[in-house]
Amino acid sequence: MKHAYTCAPAHWAHHSWLEAGQPIRQERGARAAHAFLYSRYPQLVQVALADVPPVLPLWPRPACARLCRIVAALAFARSLRRVVAVRARAALAVSVAPRVLIAIQRHPRADAADLRVEPPPSLSRRSDMTALGLALAMQAAADSRYAFWWSLRLPRDISEAAMHYRVQGLSALAAQELVADARRLMEAHLC
């Protein structure tokens, strides 16, 4: 257990953030990756993983990416409600929110206008939805120290894509509510 705590950033971060760009396989590699992350990203020194608030899910990377896609889908629930063609619905369900799309389309957020986002994401592209969801989750963190932990969890290219999205008229509190709704939906549909 001590090993996991002392190397928390190295084990938390997607391998694309690491100097070697490969998953960690040994304790020595973990120590080197940990040192690299602290030297390259000094904001990590400001917060320990153990202190990260509940807004950051301590889930495996695929689950974090899925949560981001559900956050983005909820932000565009009104547009997704209009998707009724069987083929289009099946494609969206597979790429964006497996087993959750119908719940998103029926969610109360579908009665509200979609978020204003520039540039507009492609709702059918998995990478766009993951990046937009990451941008919204980082906004929900409210504190840039914690937002960076969100970035580290997913591949670096997703984080870079998330930086291109500008969300208009969304407060940190509204973003937190969006993430909380997505978490509830996701947890309700876990196998």
Protein backbone atom coordinates (compact mmCIF):
# COMPACT_ATOMS: atom_id res chain seq x y z
CA MET A 1 0.00 0.00 0.00
CA LYS A 2 2.86 2.40 0.76
CA HIS A 3 4.21 1.86 -2.77
CA ALA A 4 0.90 2.91 -4.33
CA TYR A 5 0.80 6.11 -2.25
CA THR A 6 4.43 7.13 -2.75
CA CYS A 7 4.14 6.68 -6.52
CA ALA A 8 0.57 7.93 -6.82
CA PRO A 9 1.07 10.37 -9.72
CA ALA A 10 3.02 7.81 -11.74
CA HIS A 11 0.33 5.17 -11.26
CA TRP A 12 -2.52 7.65 -11.70
CA ALA A 13 -1.23 9.23 -14.90
CA HIS A 14 -1.87 7.74 -18.31
CA HIS A 15 1.42 6.46 -19.72
CA SER A 16 1.34 9.10 -22.49
CA TRP A 17 2.25 11.66 -19.80
CA LEU A 18 5.34 9.72 -18.73
CA GLU A 19 8.82 10.34 -20.08
CA ALA A 20 9.11 6.83 -21.53
CA GLY A 21 5.58 6.94 -22.89
CA GLN A 22 5.00 3.35 -21.77
CA PRO A 23 3.06 1.77 -18.90
CA ILE A 24 5.00 1.24 -15.68
CA ARG A 25 6.00 -2.35 -15.05
CA GLN A 26 8.47 -2.19 -12.17
CA GLU A 27 9.00 -0.30 -8.94
CA ARG A 28 12.16 1.35 -10.30
CA GLY A 29 10.23 2.59 -13.33
CA ALA A 30 7.50 3.90 -11.04
CA ARG A 31 10.02 5.89 -8.99
CA ALA A 32 11.59 7.35 -12.14
CA ALA A 33 8.17 8.23 -13.56
CA HIS A 34 7.13 9.78 -10.27
CA ALA A 35 10.26 11.97 -10.22
CA PHE A 36 9.74 12.95 -13.85
CA LEU A 37 6.13 13.99 -13.25
CA TYR A 38 7.04 16.08 -10.20
CA SER A 39 9.87 17.82 -12.04
CA ARG A 40 7.88 18.41 -15.23
CA TYR A 41 4.59 19.38 -13.56
CA PRO A 42 5.29 21.31 -10.36
CA GLN A 43 1.56 21.74 -9.72
CA LEU A 44 1.57 18.10 -8.59
CA VAL A 45 3.55 19.13 -5.51
CA GLN A 46 0.63 21.28 -4.41
CA VAL A 47 -1.75 18.37 -3.88
CA ALA A 48 -1.45 14.71 -2.98
CA LEU A 49 -3.74 12.14 -4.54
CA ALA A 50 -5.01 11.25 -1.06
CA ASP A 51 -6.26 14.85 -0.70
CA VAL A 52 -8.15 14.96 -3.98
CA PRO A 53 -11.83 15.77 -3.36
CA PRO A 54 -14.67 13.45 -4.35
CA VAL A 55 -15.22 15.41 -7.56
CA LEU A 56 -12.36 13.29 -8.95
CA PRO A 57 -13.39 9.64 -9.29
CA LEU A 58 -10.73 7.19 -8.19
CA TRP A 59 -11.71 4.80 -10.97
CA PRO A 60 -9.76 2.95 -13.65
CA ARG A 61 -8.88 5.01 -16.73
CA PRO A 62 -11.55 3.48 -19.01
CA ALA A 63 -14.22 4.31 -16.44
CA CYS A 64 -12.95 7.90 -16.16
CA ALA A 65 -13.06 8.23 -19.96
CA ARG A 66 -16.58 6.79 -20.01
CA LEU A 67 -17.66 9.23 -17.30
CA CYS A 68 -16.31 12.09 -19.42
CA ARG A 69 -18.34 10.91 -22.42
CA ILE A 70 -21.50 10.71 -20.30
CA VAL A 71 -20.86 14.24 -18.97
CA ALA A 72 -20.56 15.50 -22.56
CA ALA A 73 -23.66 13.56 -23.60
CA LEU A 74 -25.67 15.12 -20.76
CA ALA A 75 -24.46 18.55 -21.85
CA PHE A 76 -26.03 17.81 -25.26
CA ALA A 77 -28.97 15.74 -24.03
CA ARG A 78 -31.48 17.83 -26.00
CA SER A 79 -29.71 17.09 -29.29
CA LEU A 80 -29.32 13.44 -28.33
CA ARG A 81 -33.05 13.24 -27.56
CA ARG A 82 -33.70 14.02 -31.23
CA VAL A 83 -31.70 10.99 -32.34
CA VAL A 84 -34.42 8.45 -33.00
CA ALA A 85 -33.26 6.51 -36.07
CA VAL A 86 -32.29 3.00 -35.03
CA ARG A 87 -28.93 3.01 -36.81
CA ALA A 88 -27.96 6.47 -35.51
CA ARG A 89 -29.02 5.56 -31.98
CA ALA A 90 -27.05 2.29 -32.12
CA ALA A 91 -23.93 4.11 -33.39
CA LEU A 92 -24.18 6.73 -30.64
CA ALA A 93 -24.80 4.11 -27.99
CA VAL A 94 -21.68 2.20 -29.02
CA SER A 95 -19.36 5.18 -29.41
CA VAL A 96 -20.54 7.50 -26.67
CA ALA A 97 -22.62 5.93 -23.93
CA PRO A 98 -23.22 2.18 -24.07
CA ARG A 99 -26.29 1.14 -22.03
CA VAL A 100 -26.83 4.76 -20.94
CA LEU A 101 -28.02 6.55 -24.08
CA ILE A 102 -31.73 5.96 -23.43
CA ALA A 103 -31.33 7.20 -19.85
CA ILE A 104 -29.56 10.32 -21.18
CA GLN A 105 -32.34 10.94 -23.70
CA ARG A 106 -34.93 10.67 -20.91
CA HIS A 107 -32.94 12.71 -18.39
CA PRO A 108 -34.44 16.05 -17.25
CA ARG A 109 -31.42 17.80 -18.81
CA ALA A 110 -32.84 16.90 -22.21
CA ASP A 111 -35.50 19.58 -21.60
CA ALA A 112 -32.83 22.27 -21.28
CA ALA A 113 -30.87 23.81 -24.12
CA ASP A 114 -27.57 22.23 -25.06
CA LEU A 115 -24.48 23.90 -23.67
CA ARG A 116 -22.89 26.53 -25.89
CA VAL A 117 -19.51 25.10 -26.78
CA GLU A 118 -16.92 26.38 -29.25
CA PRO A 119 -15.92 24.64 -31.39
CA PRO A 120 -19.04 22.46 -31.51
CA PRO A 121 -18.14 18.81 -30.87
CA SER A 122 -19.15 15.94 -33.10
CA LEU A 123 -21.63 14.06 -30.93
CA SER A 124 -20.87 10.80 -32.70
CA ARG A 125 -17.08 10.91 -32.27
CA ARG A 126 -15.86 9.14 -29.16
CA SER A 127 -12.69 11.25 -28.93
CA ASP A 128 -14.60 14.55 -29.21
CA MET A 129 -17.05 13.52 -26.51
CA THR A 130 -14.26 12.32 -24.22
CA ALA A 131 -12.33 15.57 -24.69
CA LEU A 132 -15.41 17.74 -24.15
CA GLY A 133 -16.36 15.74 -21.06
CA LEU A 134 -12.84 16.18 -19.74
CA ALA A 135 -13.07 19.95 -20.30
CA LEU A 136 -16.36 20.03 -18.37
CA ALA A 137 -14.99 17.81 -15.59
CA MET A 138 -11.95 20.06 -15.26
CA GLN A 139 -14.27 23.07 -14.97
CA ALA A 140 -16.20 21.19 -12.27
CA ALA A 141 -13.00 20.75 -10.28
CA ALA A 142 -12.98 24.56 -9.87
CA ASP A 143 -9.42 24.37 -8.48
CA SER A 144 -6.75 24.14 -11.19
CA ARG A 145 -4.64 21.89 -8.98
CA TYR A 146 -7.37 19.26 -9.01
CA ALA A 147 -8.30 19.86 -12.64
CA PHE A 148 -4.79 18.85 -13.65
CA TRP A 149 -5.31 15.45 -11.98
CA TRP A 150 -8.27 14.93 -14.34
CA SER A 151 -5.97 15.68 -17.28
CA LEU A 152 -3.36 13.21 -16.13
CA ARG A 153 -5.83 10.35 -15.90
CA LEU A 154 -6.61 10.34 -19.62
CA PRO A 155 -4.30 10.23 -22.65
CA ARG A 156 -2.38 13.41 -23.27
CA ASP A 157 -3.93 13.96 -26.70
CA ILE A 158 -7.41 13.93 -25.12
CA SER A 159 -6.25 16.54 -22.61
CA GLU A 160 -4.81 18.70 -25.40
CA ALA A 161 -8.08 18.40 -27.34
CA ALA A 162 -10.03 19.37 -24.19
CA MET A 163 -8.09 22.65 -24.00
CA HIS A 164 -9.61 23.72 -27.34
CA TYR A 165 -13.18 23.69 -26.03
CA ARG A 166 -14.66 26.90 -24.67
CA VAL A 167 -17.88 26.51 -22.73
CA GLN A 168 -20.01 29.63 -22.43
CA GLY A 169 -22.24 30.37 -19.47
CA LEU A 170 -21.40 27.37 -17.29
CA SER A 171 -20.38 28.01 -13.68
CA ALA A 172 -18.19 25.64 -11.69
CA LEU A 173 -21.24 24.72 -9.61
CA ALA A 174 -23.32 23.88 -12.70
CA ALA A 175 -20.40 21.81 -14.04
CA GLN A 176 -20.22 19.96 -10.70
CA GLU A 177 -23.94 19.17 -10.95
CA LEU A 178 -23.43 17.91 -14.50
CA VAL A 179 -20.61 15.60 -13.39
CA ALA A 180 -22.66 14.41 -10.39
CA ASP A 181 -25.60 13.56 -12.69
CA ALA A 182 -23.25 11.67 -15.00
CA ARG A 183 -21.79 9.73 -12.08
CA ARG A 184 -25.25 8.76 -10.88
CA LEU A 185 -26.23 7.58 -14.36
CA MET A 186 -23.02 5.65 -14.79
CA GLU A 187 -23.19 4.00 -11.37
CA ALA A 188 -26.83 3.04 -11.96
CA HIS A 189 -25.90 1.25 -15.19
CA LEU A 190 -22.78 -0.62 -14.06
CA CYS A 191 -22.93 -4.33 -14.76
